[in-house]
Amino acid sequence: MDKAGGDAHGYTVCLAQRRDEMDVSTLQRLDANILLGIINEKLRLECDGLEELLAYYDMTEDQLATRLLQIGYHYDPMSNQFKAHG
């Protein structure tokens, strides 16, 4: 490992990326309320819409929508957020 914090194979970069990435199986194991927070933050800060978010996590709309409907939330394209039914 060099003094810059990485090795010749980019190990540090890989770890930094891995901390930010979650796969579908990890997301589906989370409590639905925690999942909601992660998803809405990603939509607010990084994704221009639901399709971009789904591509980022390599998941289907049905997988995500079904999970968040369990706690009464649906996607609102106007605000680009999942919101409570109301």
PDB file of N, CA and C in Angstrom:
ATOM      1  N   MET A   1       0.853  -1.173   0.000  1.00  0.00           N
ATOM      2  CA  MET A   1       0.000   0.000   0.000  1.00  0.00           C
ATOM      3  C   MET A   1       0.896   1.232   0.000  1.00  0.00           C
ATOM      4  N   ASP A   2       0.532   2.246  -0.783  1.00  0.00           N
ATOM      5  CA  ASP A   2       1.312   3.473  -0.821  1.00  0.00           C
ATOM      6  C   ASP A   2       0.791   4.475   0.205  1.00  0.00           C
ATOM      7  N   LYS A   3       1.505   5.591   0.374  1.00  0.00           N
ATOM      8  CA  LYS A   3       1.137   6.604   1.365  1.00  0.00           C
ATOM      9  C   LYS A   3      -0.167   7.316   1.020  1.00  0.00           C
ATOM     10  N   ALA A   4      -0.576   7.284  -0.239  1.00  0.00           N
ATOM     11  CA  ALA A   4      -1.807   7.962  -0.644  1.00  0.00           C
ATOM     12  C   ALA A   4      -3.046   7.212  -0.195  1.00  0.00           C
ATOM     13  N   GLY A   5      -2.861   6.022   0.342  1.00  0.00           N
ATOM     14  CA  GLY A   5      -4.011   5.288   0.854  1.00  0.00           C
ATOM     15  C   GLY A   5      -4.543   4.241  -0.090  1.00  0.00           C
ATOM     16  N   GLY A   6      -3.840   3.984  -1.156  1.00  0.00           N
ATOM     17  CA  GLY A   6      -4.283   2.977  -2.106  1.00  0.00           C
ATOM     18  C   GLY A   6      -3.130   2.086  -2.491  1.00  0.00           C
ATOM     19  N   ASP A   7      -3.430   0.983  -3.102  1.00  0.00           N
ATOM     20  CA  ASP A   7      -2.372   0.122  -3.591  1.00  0.00           C
ATOM     21  C   ASP A   7      -2.411   0.118  -5.110  1.00  0.00           C
ATOM     22  N   ALA A   8      -1.546  -0.650  -5.701  1.00  0.00           N
ATOM     23  CA  ALA A   8      -1.433  -0.674  -7.161  1.00  0.00           C
ATOM     24  C   ALA A   8      -2.693  -1.190  -7.833  1.00  0.00           C
ATOM     25  N   HIS A   9      -3.552  -1.844  -7.101  1.00  0.00           N
ATOM     26  CA  HIS A   9      -4.757  -2.438  -7.683  1.00  0.00           C
ATOM     27  C   HIS A   9      -6.017  -1.624  -7.408  1.00  0.00           C
ATOM     28  N   GLY A  10      -5.885  -0.451  -6.814  1.00  0.00           N
ATOM     29  CA  GLY A  10      -7.053   0.385  -6.557  1.00  0.00           C
ATOM     30  C   GLY A  10      -7.916  -0.112  -5.413  1.00  0.00           C
ATOM     31  N   TYR A  11      -7.330  -0.823  -4.465  1.00  0.00           N
ATOM     32  CA  TYR A  11      -8.084  -1.415  -3.361  1.00  0.00           C
ATOM     33  C   TYR A  11      -8.888  -0.373  -2.588  1.00  0.00           C
ATOM     34  N   THR A  12      -8.300   0.770  -2.285  1.00  0.00           N
ATOM     35  CA  THR A  12      -8.995   1.796  -1.511  1.00  0.00           C
ATOM     36  C   THR A  12     -10.193   2.337  -2.271  1.00  0.00           C
ATOM     37  N   VAL A  13     -10.031   2.562  -3.553  1.00  0.00           N
ATOM     38  CA  VAL A  13     -11.138   3.049  -4.375  1.00  0.00           C
ATOM     39  C   VAL A  13     -12.274   2.044  -4.362  1.00  0.00           C
ATOM     40  N   CYS A  14     -11.939   0.772  -4.483  1.00  0.00           N
ATOM     41  CA  CYS A  14     -12.952  -0.277  -4.480  1.00  0.00           C
ATOM     42  C   CYS A  14     -13.715  -0.280  -3.157  1.00  0.00           C
ATOM     43  N   LEU A  15     -13.011  -0.139  -2.041  1.00  0.00           N
ATOM     44  CA  LEU A  15     -13.679  -0.122  -0.741  1.00  0.00           C
ATOM     45  C   LEU A  15     -14.598   1.079  -0.610  1.00  0.00           C
ATOM     46  N   ALA A  16     -14.163   2.223  -1.086  1.00  0.00           N
ATOM     47  CA  ALA A  16     -14.998   3.422  -1.016  1.00  0.00           C
ATOM     48  C   ALA A  16     -16.264   3.234  -1.830  1.00  0.00           C
ATOM     49  N   GLN A  17     -16.147   2.635  -2.992  1.00  0.00           N
ATOM     50  CA  GLN A  17     -17.324   2.389  -3.814  1.00  0.00           C
ATOM     51  C   GLN A  17     -18.240   1.382  -3.139  1.00  0.00           C
ATOM     52  N   ARG A  18     -17.673   0.358  -2.555  1.00  0.00           N
ATOM     53  CA  ARG A  18     -18.474  -0.689  -1.931  1.00  0.00           C
ATOM     54  C   ARG A  18     -19.269  -0.151  -0.747  1.00  0.00           C
ATOM     55  N   ARG A  19     -18.725   0.800   0.001  1.00  0.00           N
ATOM     56  CA  ARG A  19     -19.454   1.379   1.124  1.00  0.00           C
ATOM     57  C   ARG A  19     -20.735   2.055   0.671  1.00  0.00           C
ATOM     58  N   ASP A  20     -20.711   2.621  -0.546  1.00  0.00           N
ATOM     59  CA  ASP A  20     -21.862   3.366  -1.048  1.00  0.00           C
ATOM     60  C   ASP A  20     -22.843   2.482  -1.800  1.00  0.00           C
ATOM     61  N   GLU A  21     -22.427   1.307  -2.189  1.00  0.00           N
ATOM     62  CA  GLU A  21     -23.275   0.461  -3.020  1.00  0.00           C
ATOM     63  C   GLU A  21     -23.996  -0.589  -2.192  1.00  0.00           C
ATOM     64  N   MET A  22     -25.237  -0.826  -2.561  1.00  0.00           N
ATOM     65  CA  MET A  22     -26.011  -1.903  -1.970  1.00  0.00           C
ATOM     66  C   MET A  22     -26.680  -2.641  -3.108  1.00  0.00           C
ATOM     67  N   ASP A  23     -26.703  -3.948  -3.003  1.00  0.00           N
ATOM     68  CA  ASP A  23     -27.389  -4.699  -4.046  1.00  0.00           C
ATOM     69  C   ASP A  23     -28.836  -4.946  -3.635  1.00  0.00           C
ATOM     70  N   VAL A  24     -29.589  -5.524  -4.539  1.00  0.00           N
ATOM     71  CA  VAL A  24     -31.016  -5.743  -4.311  1.00  0.00           C
ATOM     72  C   VAL A  24     -31.253  -6.588  -3.068  1.00  0.00           C
ATOM     73  N   SER A  25     -30.468  -7.628  -2.871  1.00  0.00           N
ATOM     74  CA  SER A  25     -30.705  -8.501  -1.718  1.00  0.00           C
ATOM     75  C   SER A  25     -30.472  -7.755  -0.406  1.00  0.00           C
ATOM     76  N   THR A  26     -29.484  -6.875  -0.366  1.00  0.00           N
ATOM     77  CA  THR A  26     -29.245  -6.073   0.833  1.00  0.00           C
ATOM     78  C   THR A  26     -30.406  -5.126   1.079  1.00  0.00           C
ATOM     79  N   LEU A  27     -30.857  -4.451   0.038  1.00  0.00           N
ATOM     80  CA  LEU A  27     -31.974  -3.521   0.170  1.00  0.00           C
ATOM     81  C   LEU A  27     -33.232  -4.221   0.654  1.00  0.00           C
ATOM     82  N   GLN A  28     -33.482  -5.420   0.155  1.00  0.00           N
ATOM     83  CA  GLN A  28     -34.707  -6.122   0.514  1.00  0.00           C
ATOM     84  C   GLN A  28     -34.677  -6.664   1.937  1.00  0.00           C
ATOM     85  N   ARG A  29     -33.505  -6.781   2.525  1.00  0.00           N
ATOM     86  CA  ARG A  29     -33.400  -7.255   3.912  1.00  0.00           C
ATOM     87  C   ARG A  29     -33.562  -6.128   4.925  1.00  0.00           C
ATOM     88  N   LEU A  30     -33.437  -4.885   4.465  1.00  0.00           N
ATOM     89  CA  LEU A  30     -33.555  -3.747   5.374  1.00  0.00           C
ATOM     90  C   LEU A  30     -34.988  -3.563   5.850  1.00  0.00           C
ATOM     91  N   ASP A  31     -35.138  -3.009   7.036  1.00  0.00           N
ATOM     92  CA  ASP A  31     -36.446  -2.574   7.503  1.00  0.00           C
ATOM     93  C   ASP A  31     -36.999  -1.603   6.463  1.00  0.00           C
ATOM     94  N   ALA A  32     -38.282  -1.698   6.168  1.00  0.00           N
ATOM     95  CA  ALA A  32     -38.885  -0.885   5.109  1.00  0.00           C
ATOM     96  C   ALA A  32     -38.753   0.612   5.379  1.00  0.00           C
ATOM     97  N   ASN A  33     -38.782   1.026   6.632  1.00  0.00           N
ATOM     98  CA  ASN A  33     -38.638   2.446   6.958  1.00  0.00           C
ATOM     99  C   ASN A  33     -37.216   2.943   6.702  1.00  0.00           C
ATOM    100  N   ILE A  34     -36.235   2.116   6.967  1.00  0.00           N
ATOM    101  CA  ILE A  34     -34.845   2.466   6.668  1.00  0.00           C
ATOM    102  C   ILE A  34     -34.649   2.503   5.160  1.00  0.00           C
ATOM    103  N   LEU A  35     -35.218   1.524   4.469  1.00  0.00           N
ATOM    104  CA  LEU A  35     -35.158   1.501   3.010  1.00  0.00           C
ATOM    105  C   LEU A  35     -35.747   2.784   2.433  1.00  0.00           C
ATOM    106  N   LEU A  36     -36.880   3.214   2.949  1.00  0.00           N
ATOM    107  CA  LEU A  36     -37.519   4.448   2.495  1.00  0.00           C
ATOM    108  C   LEU A  36     -36.565   5.635   2.618  1.00  0.00           C
ATOM    109  N   GLY A  37     -35.895   5.749   3.737  1.00  0.00           N
ATOM    110  CA  GLY A  37     -34.955   6.851   3.940  1.00  0.00           C
ATOM    111  C   GLY A  37     -33.808   6.823   2.955  1.00  0.00           C
ATOM    112  N   ILE A  38     -33.251   5.641   2.721  1.00  0.00           N
ATOM    113  CA  ILE A  38     -32.139   5.503   1.781  1.00  0.00           C
ATOM    114  C   ILE A  38     -32.586   5.853   0.372  1.00  0.00           C
ATOM    115  N   ILE A  39     -33.728   5.324  -0.024  1.00  0.00           N
ATOM    116  CA  ILE A  39     -34.242   5.544  -1.377  1.00  0.00           C
ATOM    117  C   ILE A  39     -34.571   7.018  -1.601  1.00  0.00           C
ATOM    118  N   ASN A  40     -35.258   7.645  -0.667  1.00  0.00           N
ATOM    119  CA  ASN A  40     -35.608   9.056  -0.842  1.00  0.00           C
ATOM    120  C   ASN A  40     -34.372   9.955  -0.847  1.00  0.00           C
ATOM    121  N   GLU A  41     -33.370   9.606  -0.057  1.00  0.00           N
ATOM    122  CA  GLU A  41     -32.127  10.384  -0.078  1.00  0.00           C
ATOM    123  C   GLU A  41     -31.433  10.255  -1.428  1.00  0.00           C
ATOM    124  N   LYS A  42     -31.364   9.041  -1.942  1.00  0.00           N
ATOM    125  CA  LYS A  42     -30.734   8.815  -3.245  1.00  0.00           C
ATOM    126  C   LYS A  42     -31.494   9.565  -4.336  1.00  0.00           C
ATOM    127  N   LEU A  43     -32.825   9.547  -4.278  1.00  0.00           N
ATOM    128  CA  LEU A  43     -33.633  10.284  -5.255  1.00  0.00           C
ATOM    129  C   LEU A  43     -33.397  11.788  -5.131  1.00  0.00           C
ATOM    130  N   ARG A  44     -33.314  12.284  -3.930  1.00  0.00           N
ATOM    131  CA  ARG A  44     -33.151  13.720  -3.700  1.00  0.00           C
ATOM    132  C   ARG A  44     -31.776  14.209  -4.141  1.00  0.00           C
ATOM    133  N   LEU A  45     -30.735  13.435  -3.867  1.00  0.00           N
ATOM    134  CA  LEU A  45     -29.378  13.914  -4.077  1.00  0.00           C
ATOM    135  C   LEU A  45     -28.720  13.468  -5.377  1.00  0.00           C
ATOM    136  N   GLU A  46     -29.114  12.303  -5.913  1.00  0.00           N
ATOM    137  CA  GLU A  46     -28.337  11.748  -7.012  1.00  0.00           C
ATOM    138  C   GLU A  46     -29.129  11.330  -8.240  1.00  0.00           C
ATOM    139  N   CYS A  47     -30.381  10.996  -8.107  1.00  0.00           N
ATOM    140  CA  CYS A  47     -31.135  10.437  -9.234  1.00  0.00           C
ATOM    141  C   CYS A  47     -32.211  11.412  -9.700  1.00  0.00           C
ATOM    142  N   ASP A  48     -32.289  11.597 -11.003  1.00  0.00           N
ATOM    143  CA  ASP A  48     -33.276  12.512 -11.578  1.00  0.00           C
ATOM    144  C   ASP A  48     -34.677  11.922 -11.639  1.00  0.00           C
ATOM    145  N   GLY A  49     -34.805  10.638 -11.401  1.00  0.00           N
ATOM    146  CA  GLY A  49     -36.113  10.008 -11.443  1.00  0.00           C
ATOM    147  C   GLY A  49     -36.034   8.561 -11.016  1.00  0.00           C
ATOM    148  N   LEU A  50     -37.197   7.939 -10.955  1.00  0.00           N
ATOM    149  CA  LEU A  50     -37.291   6.558 -10.494  1.00  0.00           C
ATOM    150  C   LEU A  50     -36.530   5.605 -11.405  1.00  0.00           C
ATOM    151  N   GLU A  51     -36.608   5.802 -12.707  1.00  0.00           N
ATOM    152  CA  GLU A  51     -35.919   4.900 -13.639  1.00  0.00           C
ATOM    153  C   GLU A  51     -34.414   4.899 -13.399  1.00  0.00           C
ATOM    154  N   GLU A  52     -33.847   6.064 -13.152  1.00  0.00           N
ATOM    155  CA  GLU A  52     -32.411   6.153 -12.878  1.00  0.00           C
ATOM    156  C   GLU A  52     -32.059   5.424 -11.585  1.00  0.00           C
ATOM    157  N   LEU A  53     -32.890   5.581 -10.575  1.00  0.00           N
ATOM    158  CA  LEU A  53     -32.672   4.895  -9.304  1.00  0.00           C
ATOM    159  C   LEU A  53     -32.735   3.379  -9.487  1.00  0.00           C
ATOM    160  N   LEU A  54     -33.738   2.912 -10.218  1.00  0.00           N
ATOM    161  CA  LEU A  54     -33.892   1.474 -10.452  1.00  0.00           C
ATOM    162  C   LEU A  54     -32.696   0.913 -11.205  1.00  0.00           C
ATOM    163  N   ALA A  55     -32.188   1.660 -12.173  1.00  0.00           N
ATOM    164  CA  ALA A  55     -31.005   1.221 -12.918  1.00  0.00           C
ATOM    165  C   ALA A  55     -29.781   1.184 -12.006  1.00  0.00           C
ATOM    166  N   TYR A  56     -29.656   2.167 -11.132  1.00  0.00           N
ATOM    167  CA  TYR A  56     -28.522   2.235 -10.206  1.00  0.00           C
ATOM    168  C   TYR A  56     -28.466   0.991  -9.320  1.00  0.00           C
ATOM    169  N   TYR A  57     -29.614   0.596  -8.792  1.00  0.00           N
ATOM    170  CA  TYR A  57     -29.677  -0.565  -7.906  1.00  0.00           C
ATOM    171  C   TYR A  57     -29.967  -1.870  -8.637  1.00  0.00           C
ATOM    172  N   ASP A  58     -30.160  -1.812  -9.952  1.00  0.00           N
ATOM    173  CA  ASP A  58     -30.455  -2.996 -10.764  1.00  0.00           C
ATOM    174  C   ASP A  58     -31.646  -3.760 -10.180  1.00  0.00           C
ATOM    175  N   MET A  59     -32.751  -3.022 -10.007  1.00  0.00           N
ATOM    176  CA  MET A  59     -33.965  -3.634  -9.486  1.00  0.00           C
ATOM    177  C   MET A  59     -35.155  -3.170 -10.314  1.00  0.00           C
ATOM    178  N   THR A  60     -36.263  -3.864 -10.156  1.00  0.00           N
ATOM    179  CA  THR A  60     -37.463  -3.501 -10.904  1.00  0.00           C
ATOM    180  C   THR A  60     -38.333  -2.563 -10.070  1.00  0.00           C
ATOM    181  N   GLU A  61     -39.198  -1.849 -10.760  1.00  0.00           N
ATOM    182  CA  GLU A  61     -40.128  -0.963 -10.067  1.00  0.00           C
ATOM    183  C   GLU A  61     -41.037  -1.771  -9.145  1.00  0.00           C
ATOM    184  N   ASP A  62     -41.444  -2.951  -9.592  1.00  0.00           N
ATOM    185  CA  ASP A  62     -42.314  -3.798  -8.780  1.00  0.00           C
ATOM    186  C   ASP A  62     -41.637  -4.203  -7.472  1.00  0.00           C
ATOM    187  N   GLN A  63     -40.351  -4.549  -7.530  1.00  0.00           N
ATOM    188  CA  GLN A  63     -39.626  -4.933  -6.314  1.00  0.00           C
ATOM    189  C   GLN A  63     -39.649  -3.811  -5.281  1.00  0.00           C
ATOM    190  N   LEU A  64     -39.373  -2.605  -5.738  1.00  0.00           N
ATOM    191  CA  LEU A  64     -39.305  -1.473  -4.823  1.00  0.00           C
ATOM    192  C   LEU A  64     -40.692  -1.014  -4.383  1.00  0.00           C
ATOM    193  N   ALA A  65     -41.592  -0.857  -5.329  1.00  0.00           N
ATOM    194  CA  ALA A  65     -42.932  -0.351  -5.015  1.00  0.00           C
ATOM    195  C   ALA A  65     -43.672  -1.285  -4.066  1.00  0.00           C
ATOM    196  N   THR A  66     -43.571  -2.579  -4.294  1.00  0.00           N
ATOM    197  CA  THR A  66     -44.239  -3.555  -3.429  1.00  0.00           C
ATOM    198  C   THR A  66     -43.737  -3.434  -2.000  1.00  0.00           C
ATOM    199  N   ARG A  67     -42.445  -3.292  -1.851  1.00  0.00           N
ATOM    200  CA  ARG A  67     -41.852  -3.197  -0.516  1.00  0.00           C
ATOM    201  C   ARG A  67     -42.312  -1.937   0.210  1.00  0.00           C
ATOM    202  N   LEU A  68     -42.331  -0.810  -0.501  1.00  0.00           N
ATOM    203  CA  LEU A  68     -42.699   0.445   0.148  1.00  0.00           C
ATOM    204  C   LEU A  68     -44.207   0.596   0.319  1.00  0.00           C
ATOM    205  N   LEU A  69     -44.984  -0.103  -0.491  1.00  0.00           N
ATOM    206  CA  LEU A  69     -46.439  -0.110  -0.288  1.00  0.00           C
ATOM    207  C   LEU A  69     -46.809  -0.789   1.028  1.00  0.00           C
ATOM    208  N   GLN A  70     -45.960  -1.703   1.487  1.00  0.00           N
ATOM    209  CA  GLN A  70     -46.203  -2.389   2.762  1.00  0.00           C
ATOM    210  C   GLN A  70     -46.281  -1.405   3.925  1.00  0.00           C
ATOM    211  N   ILE A  71     -45.591  -0.270   3.801  1.00  0.00           N
ATOM    212  CA  ILE A  71     -45.643   0.738   4.866  1.00  0.00           C
ATOM    213  C   ILE A  71     -46.431   1.974   4.418  1.00  0.00           C
ATOM    214  N   GLY A  72     -47.159   1.842   3.301  1.00  0.00           N
ATOM    215  CA  GLY A  72     -48.072   2.891   2.876  1.00  0.00           C
ATOM    216  C   GLY A  72     -47.466   4.009   2.048  1.00  0.00           C
ATOM    217  N   TYR A  73     -46.376   3.734   1.343  1.00  0.00           N
ATOM    218  CA  TYR A  73     -45.726   4.759   0.532  1.00  0.00           C
ATOM    219  C   TYR A  73     -45.801   4.419  -0.947  1.00  0.00           C
ATOM    220  N   HIS A  74     -45.924   5.463  -1.761  1.00  0.00           N
ATOM    221  CA  HIS A  74     -45.941   5.315  -3.217  1.00  0.00           C
ATOM    222  C   HIS A  74     -45.039   6.391  -3.819  1.00  0.00           C
ATOM    223  N   TYR A  75     -44.606   6.170  -5.056  1.00  0.00           N
ATOM    224  CA  TYR A  75     -43.725   7.129  -5.719  1.00  0.00           C
ATOM    225  C   TYR A  75     -44.529   8.293  -6.270  1.00  0.00           C
ATOM    226  N   ASP A  76     -44.074   9.500  -5.986  1.00  0.00           N
ATOM    227  CA  ASP A  76     -44.672  10.725  -6.506  1.00  0.00           C
ATOM    228  C   ASP A  76     -43.673  11.361  -7.474  1.00  0.00           C
ATOM    229  N   PRO A  77     -43.929  11.262  -8.788  1.00  0.00           N
ATOM    230  CA  PRO A  77     -42.968  11.785  -9.770  1.00  0.00           C
ATOM    231  C   PRO A  77     -42.793  13.302  -9.710  1.00  0.00           C
ATOM    232  N   MET A  78     -43.791  14.025  -9.244  1.00  0.00           N
ATOM    233  CA  MET A  78     -43.675  15.488  -9.168  1.00  0.00           C
ATOM    234  C   MET A  78     -42.599  15.917  -8.164  1.00  0.00           C
ATOM    235  N   SER A  79     -42.510  15.209  -7.063  1.00  0.00           N
ATOM    236  CA  SER A  79     -41.503  15.545  -6.051  1.00  0.00           C
ATOM    237  C   SER A  79     -40.280  14.628  -6.125  1.00  0.00           C
ATOM    238  N   ASN A  80     -40.358  13.587  -6.964  1.00  0.00           N
ATOM    239  CA  ASN A  80     -39.289  12.598  -7.089  1.00  0.00           C
ATOM    240  C   ASN A  80     -38.973  11.977  -5.727  1.00  0.00           C
ATOM    241  N   GLN A  81     -40.021  11.636  -4.994  1.00  0.00           N
ATOM    242  CA  GLN A  81     -39.893  11.033  -3.672  1.00  0.00           C
ATOM    243  C   GLN A  81     -40.992   9.999  -3.466  1.00  0.00           C
ATOM    244  N   PHE A  82     -40.741   9.065  -2.559  1.00  0.00           N
ATOM    245  CA  PHE A  82     -41.804   8.178  -2.109  1.00  0.00           C
ATOM    246  C   PHE A  82     -42.509   8.893  -0.965  1.00  0.00           C
ATOM    247  N   LYS A  83     -43.835   8.972  -1.044  1.00  0.00           N
ATOM    248  CA  LYS A  83     -44.630   9.695  -0.053  1.00  0.00           C
ATOM    249  C   LYS A  83     -45.741   8.804   0.475  1.00  0.00           C
ATOM    250  N   ALA A  84     -46.204   9.134   1.673  1.00  0.00           N
ATOM    251  CA  ALA A  84     -47.294   8.380   2.291  1.00  0.00           C
ATOM    252  C   ALA A  84     -48.580   8.611   1.517  1.00  0.00           C
ATOM    253  N   HIS A  85     -49.373   7.548   1.414  1.00  0.00           N
ATOM    254  CA  HIS A  85     -50.700   7.695   0.805  1.00  0.00           C
ATOM    255  C   HIS A  85     -51.487   8.661   1.672  1.00  0.00           C
ATOM    256  N   GLY A  86     -52.222   9.536   1.027  1.00  0.00           N
ATOM    257  CA  GLY A  86     -52.936  10.469   1.870  1.00  0.00           C
ATOM    258  C   GLY A  86     -53.983  11.196   1.212  1.00  0.00           C
TER     259      GLY A  86
END
